[in-house]
Amino acid sequence: MRLSIRHTTRYRFDTPVIHGLQRLRLTPKETQGQEILEWDMEYDNAYPELTYEDQHHNTVTLVAVETGARDVTVTCRGTVDTHDHAGVIGRHAGHLPLWSFLGQTDQTQPGPGMRKLAAEMDRDGESRLDMLHRLSAGILDRVEYKTGTTHSRTIAEEAFAAANGVCQDHAHIFIGIARSLGIPARYVSGYLMMNDRVDQEAGHAWAEAYVAELGWVGFDISNGISPDARYVRVATGRDYRDAAPVTGISFGTTSTVLEVDVAVEQQQVQQ
């Protein structure tokens, strides 16, 4: 499937910037199941300083905010070819060893509710893959997808206890429980083409767990499926903070994201 993507982020500073840097993880990965045909990034009131690859093989662009700027716009456009591998990414690669995805972070650390669900996952004779699918379904059954109830700093147990959240919360809960069961797991940020519309509410997030005979396998808890050809992987990490699309520092001011516009649509491929 050939997908066309446009992603625009606009944010404003409360006072003119003295010095500001933004770290952007907005370039899709070259990975199993997807090829990047083209990808361009444009900036208003900012300019790129350098691009590098981080410890998770994420492409990171460091952008400097122009002195005196009160607002910044970052626009990404590109085309990606994707293939359906039933969520299977395959063998582990990257600068971090597999065991580093077993350790909990502040955002994934299980509390009483998550530990109780983890205990329910133990079934004799069940394969690890089947158990992970059952875990994904169990989370969605207990934590309703509901926007406006959580934020980027919400931790997994808070969302689990509140019984609602968004894709980021579902991913953190899944990751925390999987790790507590001795299964390496990681966070994925990216895009999902919805079948009924081009304009999306925002980017998307899901989780991946390591299954010995398959390697990394994706689980979109919010939609109850493994990622297919409608998904584009952009960044991965131990939690949201490692894969956040935009993070930054500024001196003498703070910033507020005003608007995020995401459009994903299928293109016809010429034979």
Protein backbone atom coordinates (compact mmCIF):
# COMPACT_ATOMS: atom_id res chain seq x y z
CA MET A 1 0.00 0.00 0.00
CA ARG A 2 1.30 3.46 -0.88
CA LEU A 3 0.46 6.10 1.73
CA SER A 4 0.73 9.87 1.41
CA ILE A 5 1.26 11.70 4.71
CA ARG A 6 1.10 15.34 5.74
CA HIS A 7 1.81 16.30 9.35
CA THR A 8 1.81 19.91 10.56
CA THR A 9 2.61 21.03 14.11
CA ARG A 10 2.10 24.64 15.20
CA TYR A 11 3.11 25.95 18.60
CA ARG A 12 3.53 29.34 20.21
CA PHE A 13 5.90 30.77 22.82
CA ASP A 14 4.56 33.00 25.58
CA THR A 15 7.38 35.52 25.02
CA PRO A 16 9.91 36.00 22.17
CA VAL A 17 12.53 33.25 22.13
CA ILE A 18 16.04 34.07 23.29
CA HIS A 19 17.38 30.62 22.45
CA GLY A 20 15.43 27.46 21.65
CA LEU A 21 16.11 23.95 20.34
CA GLN A 22 13.51 21.40 19.28
CA ARG A 23 14.20 17.68 18.94
CA LEU A 24 12.01 16.21 16.18
CA ARG A 25 11.32 12.50 15.70
CA LEU A 26 9.15 12.89 12.64
CA THR A 27 10.96 10.86 9.97
CA PRO A 28 9.59 7.33 9.38
CA LYS A 29 11.91 4.38 9.83
CA GLU A 30 13.31 2.26 7.01
CA THR A 31 12.22 -1.04 8.47
CA GLN A 32 10.53 -4.38 7.87
CA GLY A 33 7.31 -3.75 5.99
CA GLN A 34 7.87 -0.16 4.88
CA GLU A 35 10.04 1.82 2.46
CA ILE A 36 10.32 5.60 2.50
CA LEU A 37 9.92 6.91 -1.05
CA GLU A 38 10.19 10.58 -0.14
CA TRP A 39 10.11 12.66 3.02
CA ASP A 40 10.50 16.44 3.36
CA MET A 41 10.35 18.74 6.37
CA GLU A 42 9.69 22.49 6.23
CA TYR A 43 10.07 25.04 9.02
CA ASP A 44 8.65 28.48 9.72
CA ASN A 45 10.70 30.53 12.21
CA ALA A 46 13.14 27.66 12.72
CA TYR A 47 15.98 25.96 10.86
CA PRO A 48 17.65 22.52 11.07
CA GLU A 49 21.00 22.26 12.85
CA LEU A 50 21.78 18.56 12.41
CA THR A 51 20.25 15.12 11.93
CA TYR A 52 21.39 12.01 13.77
CA GLU A 53 20.28 8.51 14.68
CA ASP A 54 19.55 7.86 18.35
CA GLN A 55 19.97 4.66 20.37
CA HIS A 56 16.65 3.29 19.07
CA HIS A 57 17.51 3.84 15.38
CA ASN A 58 15.14 6.82 15.32
CA THR A 59 16.02 9.64 12.93
CA VAL A 60 16.24 12.79 15.05
CA THR A 61 16.39 16.31 13.60
CA LEU A 62 17.65 19.04 15.90
CA VAL A 63 16.01 22.35 14.99
CA ALA A 64 16.97 25.81 16.26
CA VAL A 65 14.22 28.37 16.84
CA GLU A 66 14.94 31.78 15.36
CA THR A 67 15.75 34.43 17.94
CA GLY A 68 12.71 36.58 18.69
CA ALA A 69 10.22 34.08 17.26
CA ARG A 70 6.80 33.87 18.93
CA ASP A 71 5.55 30.84 16.99
CA VAL A 72 6.95 27.92 14.99
CA THR A 73 5.42 25.64 12.38
CA VAL A 74 6.89 22.29 11.31
CA THR A 75 5.39 20.61 8.25
CA CYS A 76 6.28 17.08 7.12
CA ARG A 77 5.21 15.59 3.79
CA GLY A 78 6.08 12.26 2.28
CA THR A 79 5.17 8.98 0.67
CA VAL A 80 5.69 5.55 2.19
CA ASP A 81 5.16 2.06 0.74
CA THR A 82 3.87 -0.39 3.33
CA HIS A 83 3.24 -4.15 3.44
CA ASP A 84 1.12 -6.30 5.73
CA HIS A 85 3.26 -8.67 7.82
CA ALA A 86 0.61 -9.18 10.54
CA GLY A 87 2.54 -6.86 12.82
CA VAL A 88 5.77 -8.87 12.70
CA ILE A 89 8.86 -6.65 12.55
CA GLY A 90 11.36 -9.45 13.07
CA ARG A 91 14.76 -9.69 14.70
CA HIS A 92 16.03 -7.20 17.24
CA ALA A 93 18.26 -4.40 15.94
CA GLY A 94 19.53 -1.21 17.47
CA HIS A 95 22.18 0.06 19.82
CA LEU A 96 20.40 -1.15 22.97
CA PRO A 97 20.41 -4.82 24.03
CA LEU A 98 17.13 -6.69 24.20
CA TRP A 99 17.21 -6.82 28.00
CA SER A 100 17.00 -3.03 28.18
CA PHE A 101 13.34 -3.35 27.18
CA LEU A 102 12.58 -5.37 30.32
CA GLY A 103 13.17 -2.52 32.76
CA GLN A 104 10.20 -0.39 33.80
CA THR A 105 10.11 3.38 33.40
CA ASP A 106 8.13 5.93 35.37
CA GLN A 107 5.41 5.85 32.71
CA THR A 108 5.10 2.03 32.52
CA GLN A 109 5.57 0.98 36.16
CA PRO A 110 2.66 -1.31 37.18
CA GLY A 111 0.57 -0.59 40.24
CA PRO A 112 -1.99 -2.83 41.98
CA GLY A 113 -4.50 -2.84 39.12
CA MET A 114 -1.99 -3.71 36.43
CA ARG A 115 -0.36 -6.37 38.61
CA LYS A 116 -3.76 -8.00 39.11
CA LEU A 117 -4.33 -8.16 35.34
CA ALA A 118 -0.81 -9.53 34.87
CA ALA A 119 -1.62 -12.37 37.28
CA GLU A 120 -4.64 -13.27 35.14
CA MET A 121 -2.40 -13.82 32.11
CA ASP A 122 -0.87 -17.06 33.43
CA ARG A 123 -2.42 -20.03 31.60
CA ASP A 124 -0.77 -23.40 31.23
CA GLY A 125 -0.07 -24.47 27.66
CA GLU A 126 -0.83 -21.10 26.09
CA SER A 127 1.69 -19.67 23.63
CA ARG A 128 3.30 -16.34 24.37
CA LEU A 129 1.76 -14.84 21.22
CA ASP A 130 -1.75 -15.93 22.20
CA MET A 131 -1.25 -14.58 25.71
CA LEU A 132 -0.14 -11.18 24.37
CA HIS A 133 -3.22 -10.94 22.17
CA ARG A 134 -5.34 -11.82 25.20
CA LEU A 135 -3.53 -9.15 27.22
CA SER A 136 -4.24 -6.56 24.52
CA ALA A 137 -7.94 -7.46 24.53
CA GLY A 138 -8.06 -7.42 28.32
CA ILE A 139 -6.63 -3.91 28.47
CA LEU A 140 -9.11 -2.55 25.94
CA ASP A 141 -11.95 -4.23 27.86
CA ARG A 142 -10.92 -2.46 31.08
CA VAL A 143 -9.63 0.89 29.76
CA GLU A 144 -12.03 2.69 27.42
CA TYR A 145 -10.57 4.75 24.60
CA LYS A 146 -11.60 8.28 25.52
CA THR A 147 -9.89 11.50 24.47
CA GLY A 148 -9.36 14.45 26.78
CA THR A 149 -8.99 12.38 29.94
CA THR A 150 -5.20 11.97 30.02
CA HIS A 151 -2.09 13.84 28.86
CA SER A 152 1.46 13.05 27.74
CA ARG A 153 2.73 12.73 31.33
CA THR A 154 -0.02 10.36 32.52
CA ILE A 155 1.47 7.13 33.83
CA ALA A 156 0.10 3.69 32.98
CA GLU A 157 -1.37 2.84 36.39
CA GLU A 158 -3.22 6.20 36.54
CA ALA A 159 -4.95 5.50 33.22
CA PHE A 160 -5.68 1.90 34.25
CA ALA A 161 -7.23 3.00 37.54
CA ALA A 162 -9.31 5.69 35.79
CA ALA A 163 -10.48 3.09 33.24
CA ASN A 164 -10.04 5.44 30.29
CA GLY A 165 -7.31 6.91 28.15
CA VAL A 166 -5.94 7.06 24.62
CA CYS A 167 -3.55 5.02 22.49
CA GLN A 168 -0.51 6.26 24.42
CA ASP A 169 -2.02 5.01 27.70
CA HIS A 170 -3.03 1.65 26.20
CA ALA A 171 0.53 1.18 24.94
CA HIS A 172 2.10 2.05 28.29
CA ILE A 173 -0.21 -0.34 30.16
CA PHE A 174 0.56 -3.17 27.73
CA ILE A 175 4.30 -2.50 27.93
CA GLY A 176 4.31 -2.36 31.74
CA ILE A 177 2.42 -5.63 32.12
CA ALA A 178 4.44 -7.42 29.44
CA ARG A 179 7.70 -6.40 31.12
CA SER A 180 6.39 -7.54 34.50
CA LEU A 181 5.88 -10.97 32.88
CA GLY A 182 9.47 -11.05 31.64
CA ILE A 183 8.66 -10.08 28.05
CA PRO A 184 10.67 -7.26 26.39
CA ALA A 185 8.30 -4.56 25.14
CA ARG A 186 8.61 -1.11 23.57
CA TYR A 187 6.58 1.93 22.54
CA VAL A 188 5.91 2.89 18.90
CA SER A 189 4.77 6.24 17.54
CA GLY A 190 3.59 6.63 13.97
CA TYR A 191 0.63 7.03 11.66
CA LEU A 192 -2.52 5.06 10.95
CA MET A 193 -4.65 5.53 7.86
CA MET A 194 -8.29 5.42 8.95
CA ASN A 195 -10.61 3.82 6.41
CA ASP A 196 -13.35 6.43 6.74
CA ARG A 197 -11.37 9.68 6.50
CA VAL A 198 -8.15 11.34 5.38
CA ASP A 199 -7.74 13.88 8.20
CA GLN A 200 -6.75 12.23 11.47
CA GLU A 201 -7.14 13.48 15.03
CA ALA A 202 -3.40 13.10 15.65
CA GLY A 203 -0.57 10.64 15.20
CA HIS A 204 -0.99 7.14 16.57
CA ALA A 205 0.80 4.93 19.10
CA TRP A 206 0.98 1.21 19.76
CA ALA A 207 3.27 -1.34 21.40
CA GLU A 208 5.63 -4.10 20.30
CA ALA A 209 6.60 -7.18 22.30
CA TYR A 210 9.40 -9.63 21.64
CA VAL A 211 8.35 -13.20 20.82
CA ALA A 212 11.29 -15.58 20.49
CA GLU A 213 10.21 -17.39 17.33
CA LEU A 214 9.04 -14.22 15.54
CA GLY A 215 11.05 -11.31 16.91
CA TRP A 216 9.26 -8.01 17.55
CA VAL A 217 5.49 -8.14 17.05
CA GLY A 218 3.15 -5.13 17.08
CA PHE A 219 -0.09 -4.77 19.07
CA ASP A 220 -2.45 -1.86 18.53
CA ILE A 221 -4.38 -2.16 21.76
CA SER A 222 -6.74 0.74 20.99
CA ASN A 223 -8.01 -0.94 17.82
CA GLY A 224 -7.67 -4.53 18.94
CA ILE A 225 -5.45 -5.65 16.06
CA SER A 226 -1.85 -6.11 15.04
CA PRO A 227 -0.59 -3.34 12.70
CA ASP A 228 -1.16 -3.95 8.99
CA ALA A 229 -0.36 -2.03 5.79
CA ARG A 230 -2.27 1.04 7.02
CA TYR A 231 0.38 1.71 9.69
CA VAL A 232 3.61 3.69 9.37
CA ARG A 233 6.28 3.31 12.08
CA VAL A 234 8.11 6.53 12.88
CA ALA A 235 9.90 6.16 16.23
CA THR A 236 10.35 3.56 18.96
CA GLY A 237 11.52 3.68 22.56
CA ARG A 238 11.12 2.40 26.09
CA ASP A 239 8.12 4.73 26.54
CA TYR A 240 6.54 7.84 25.04
CA ARG A 241 9.41 10.10 26.05
CA ASP A 242 11.87 8.16 23.88
CA ALA A 243 9.58 8.38 20.83
CA ALA A 244 7.85 11.75 21.31
CA PRO A 245 7.42 13.57 17.97
CA VAL A 246 8.54 16.96 19.37
CA THR A 247 10.53 17.74 22.50
CA GLY A 248 12.58 20.82 23.18
CA ILE A 249 14.25 23.33 25.43
CA SER A 250 14.03 27.11 25.40
CA PHE A 251 15.42 29.96 27.49
CA GLY A 252 13.27 32.82 28.74
CA THR A 253 9.98 31.35 27.54
CA THR A 254 7.70 28.31 27.46
CA SER A 255 5.80 26.86 24.52
CA THR A 256 2.28 25.56 23.99
CA VAL A 257 1.24 23.32 21.11
CA LEU A 258 -1.68 25.05 19.44
CA GLU A 259 -2.58 22.66 16.68
CA VAL A 260 -1.57 19.35 15.12
CA ASP A 261 -2.92 18.41 11.69
CA VAL A 262 -2.35 14.93 10.31
CA ALA A 263 -3.60 13.62 6.97
CA VAL A 264 -2.97 10.07 5.71
CA GLU A 265 -4.41 8.73 2.48
CA GLN A 266 -3.78 5.89 0.08
CA GLN A 267 -2.31 6.61 -3.34
CA GLN A 268 -2.86 4.53 -6.42
CA VAL A 269 0.31 2.78 -7.61
CA GLN A 270 1.00 2.87 -11.33
CA GLN A 271 1.56 -0.61 -12.74
